[in-house]
């Protein structure tokens, strides 16, 4: 009698669990390669072109500063070797060149920061648009999670669907 009751209890639990699992939808997982998506967008190409123009302007200024420094250094070397400068004059010119070199170095550091800031400024609206599209696709299609395969963090994804085309369509709306 005790075994029969135990068996019926287990059977009831098993059937109840089976009924619950039949009612619960299987979670859906999706994936996409964010890097490839970004590369394919015309907005990204335009942002990269704009960034290149911006960086090229800063590079031109840096090149001009470097040429000016090289010319001043060559002039100092020429005058010093010719004996046209007193030691005090030579030291003063060297100090000026050191200041000029420090200015160039600071300009280059600032330029790198400006380029990074400009890149963020240009890409953030694109990333925001992609993020909104991914979230909308996930919600509309019942995805529990969508993984980015470009990060290299995913080691296995058997039961995922590529949602790239859905995201592209959503962004085009």
Protein backbone atom coordinates (compact mmCIF):
# COMPACT_ATOMS: atom_id res chain seq x y z
CA UNK A 1 0.00 0.00 0.00
CA UNK A 2 2.80 2.39 0.90
CA UNK A 3 4.63 1.62 -2.39
CA UNK A 4 1.46 2.14 -4.37
CA UNK A 5 0.88 5.52 -2.71
CA UNK A 6 4.49 6.53 -3.34
CA UNK A 7 4.19 5.48 -6.99
CA UNK A 8 0.96 7.47 -7.45
CA UNK A 9 2.53 10.53 -5.85
CA UNK A 10 5.55 10.33 -8.16
CA UNK A 11 3.30 9.77 -11.17
CA UNK A 12 1.20 12.81 -10.25
CA UNK A 13 4.32 14.96 -9.83
CA UNK A 14 5.72 13.76 -13.15
CA UNK A 15 2.46 14.42 -15.01
CA UNK A 16 2.14 17.84 -13.38
CA UNK A 17 5.70 18.76 -14.37
CA UNK A 18 5.09 17.53 -17.92
CA UNK A 19 1.91 19.61 -18.15
CA UNK A 20 3.75 22.69 -16.87
CA UNK A 21 6.60 22.25 -19.30
CA UNK A 22 4.13 21.86 -22.17
CA UNK A 23 2.53 25.17 -21.23
CA UNK A 24 5.84 27.04 -20.84
CA UNK A 25 7.20 28.11 -24.22
CA UNK A 26 10.75 27.08 -25.01
CA UNK A 27 13.02 30.10 -24.69
CA UNK A 28 14.43 31.39 -27.95
CA UNK A 29 17.97 32.59 -28.30
CA UNK A 30 19.38 34.58 -31.17
CA UNK A 31 22.77 35.71 -32.32
CA UNK A 32 24.29 38.23 -34.66
CA UNK A 33 27.70 39.58 -35.54
CA UNK A 34 27.58 43.20 -34.44
CA UNK A 35 30.88 44.03 -36.12
CA UNK A 36 29.69 42.78 -39.51
CA UNK A 37 26.37 44.59 -39.11
CA UNK A 38 28.11 47.87 -38.30
CA UNK A 39 30.46 47.49 -41.27
CA UNK A 40 27.52 46.96 -43.60
CA UNK A 41 25.69 50.13 -42.56
CA UNK A 42 26.02 53.22 -44.75
CA UNK A 43 25.89 55.34 -41.58
CA UNK A 44 29.08 53.67 -40.35
CA UNK A 45 30.86 54.28 -43.65
CA UNK A 46 29.91 57.96 -43.50
CA UNK A 47 31.03 58.19 -39.86
CA UNK A 48 34.37 56.58 -40.74
CA UNK A 49 34.83 58.95 -43.69
CA UNK A 50 34.03 61.96 -41.48
CA UNK A 51 36.43 60.69 -38.83
CA UNK A 52 39.18 60.27 -41.42
CA UNK A 53 38.72 63.88 -42.61
CA UNK A 54 38.86 65.09 -39.01
CA UNK A 55 41.98 63.03 -38.23
CA UNK A 56 43.67 64.11 -41.47
CA UNK A 57 43.28 67.78 -40.50
CA UNK A 58 44.95 67.14 -37.17
CA UNK A 59 47.69 65.13 -38.86
CA UNK A 60 48.37 68.00 -41.26
CA UNK A 61 48.79 70.40 -38.33
CA UNK A 62 51.08 67.89 -36.58
CA UNK A 63 53.16 67.46 -39.73
CA UNK A 64 53.51 71.24 -40.04
CA UNK A 65 54.61 71.54 -36.41
CA UNK A 66 57.13 68.72 -36.86
CA UNK A 67 58.58 70.29 -40.01
CA UNK A 68 58.91 73.62 -38.26
CA UNK A 69 60.70 71.94 -35.36
CA UNK A 70 63.05 70.06 -37.69
CA UNK A 71 63.88 73.26 -39.56
CA UNK A 72 64.57 75.14 -36.31
CA UNK A 73 66.73 72.28 -35.07
CA UNK A 74 68.69 72.13 -38.34
CA UNK A 75 69.21 75.90 -38.23
CA UNK A 76 70.45 75.74 -34.64
CA UNK A 77 72.82 72.90 -35.48
CA UNK A 78 74.16 74.78 -38.52
CA UNK A 79 74.73 78.02 -36.60
CA UNK A 80 76.27 76.20 -33.64
CA UNK A 81 78.68 74.18 -35.82
CA UNK A 82 79.66 77.36 -37.67
CA UNK A 83 80.49 79.02 -34.34
CA UNK A 84 77.91 81.76 -34.86
CA UNK A 85 76.31 81.29 -31.42
CA UNK A 86 77.64 81.95 -27.99
CA UNK A 87 77.10 79.17 -25.45
CA UNK A 88 74.38 81.25 -23.78
CA UNK A 89 72.59 81.80 -27.13
CA UNK A 90 72.87 78.10 -27.98
CA UNK A 91 71.43 77.08 -24.61
CA UNK A 92 68.55 79.56 -24.97
CA UNK A 93 67.72 78.18 -28.45
CA UNK A 94 67.90 74.61 -27.12
CA UNK A 95 65.42 75.52 -24.38
CA UNK A 96 63.11 77.03 -27.01
CA UNK A 97 63.36 73.83 -29.06
CA UNK A 98 62.57 71.73 -25.97
CA UNK A 99 59.47 73.85 -25.37
CA UNK A 100 58.50 73.46 -29.01
CA UNK A 101 59.01 69.70 -28.79
CA UNK A 102 56.91 69.52 -25.61
CA UNK A 103 54.17 71.52 -27.35
CA UNK A 104 54.21 69.08 -30.28
CA UNK A 105 54.00 66.10 -27.93
CA UNK A 106 51.07 67.67 -26.07
CA UNK A 107 49.38 68.47 -29.38
CA UNK A 108 49.72 64.83 -30.47
CA UNK A 109 48.25 63.56 -27.18
CA UNK A 110 45.37 66.03 -27.42
CA UNK A 111 44.81 65.07 -31.05
CA UNK A 112 44.52 61.39 -30.11
CA UNK A 113 41.95 62.28 -27.46
CA UNK A 114 40.04 64.47 -29.93
CA UNK A 115 39.95 61.67 -32.50
CA UNK A 116 38.69 59.20 -29.88
CA UNK A 117 36.05 61.69 -28.74
CA UNK A 118 34.98 62.37 -32.34
CA UNK A 119 34.77 58.62 -33.02
CA UNK A 120 32.49 58.19 -30.00
CA UNK A 121 30.43 61.21 -31.07
CA UNK A 122 29.95 59.82 -34.59
CA UNK A 123 29.36 56.16 -33.66
CA UNK A 124 27.15 56.55 -30.58
CA UNK A 125 23.98 57.45 -32.53
CA UNK A 126 24.55 54.42 -34.78
CA UNK A 127 25.09 52.14 -31.78
CA UNK A 128 21.97 53.56 -30.13
CA UNK A 129 19.95 52.84 -33.28
CA UNK A 130 21.29 49.27 -33.47
CA UNK A 131 20.60 48.73 -29.77
CA UNK A 132 17.00 49.91 -30.16
CA UNK A 133 16.51 47.66 -33.19
CA UNK A 134 17.96 44.61 -31.39
CA UNK A 135 15.71 45.19 -28.40
CA UNK A 136 12.66 45.61 -30.64
CA UNK A 137 13.48 42.43 -32.59
CA UNK A 138 13.95 40.52 -29.34
CA UNK A 139 10.64 41.72 -27.96
CA UNK A 140 8.65 41.24 -31.18
CA UNK A 141 10.03 37.77 -31.85
CA UNK A 142 10.17 36.42 -28.31
CA UNK A 143 13.93 36.13 -27.93
CA UNK A 144 15.10 35.69 -24.37
CA UNK A 145 18.67 36.63 -25.29
CA UNK A 146 20.56 37.77 -28.38
CA UNK A 147 24.31 37.18 -28.38
CA UNK A 148 27.01 39.12 -30.23
CA UNK A 149 29.26 36.62 -31.97
CA UNK A 150 31.83 39.29 -32.93
CA UNK A 151 33.03 39.57 -29.33
CA UNK A 152 34.40 36.03 -29.42
CA UNK A 153 32.85 35.27 -26.04
CA UNK A 154 30.38 32.69 -27.33
CA UNK A 155 31.80 29.19 -27.27
CA UNK A 156 28.71 27.26 -28.28
CA UNK A 157 25.34 28.24 -29.72
CA UNK A 158 23.37 25.29 -31.04
CA UNK A 159 19.87 26.62 -30.44
CA UNK A 160 20.18 30.21 -31.59
CA UNK A 161 18.88 32.01 -34.63
CA UNK A 162 20.78 34.66 -36.60
CA UNK A 163 18.74 37.85 -36.19
CA UNK A 164 20.93 40.14 -38.30
CA UNK A 165 18.42 40.50 -41.13
CA UNK A 166 15.59 41.20 -38.67
CA UNK A 167 17.69 43.94 -37.05
CA UNK A 168 18.54 45.44 -40.45
CA UNK A 169 14.84 45.51 -41.39
CA UNK A 170 13.95 47.10 -38.07
CA UNK A 171 16.59 49.79 -38.54
CA UNK A 172 15.27 50.57 -42.02
CA UNK A 173 11.81 51.33 -40.65
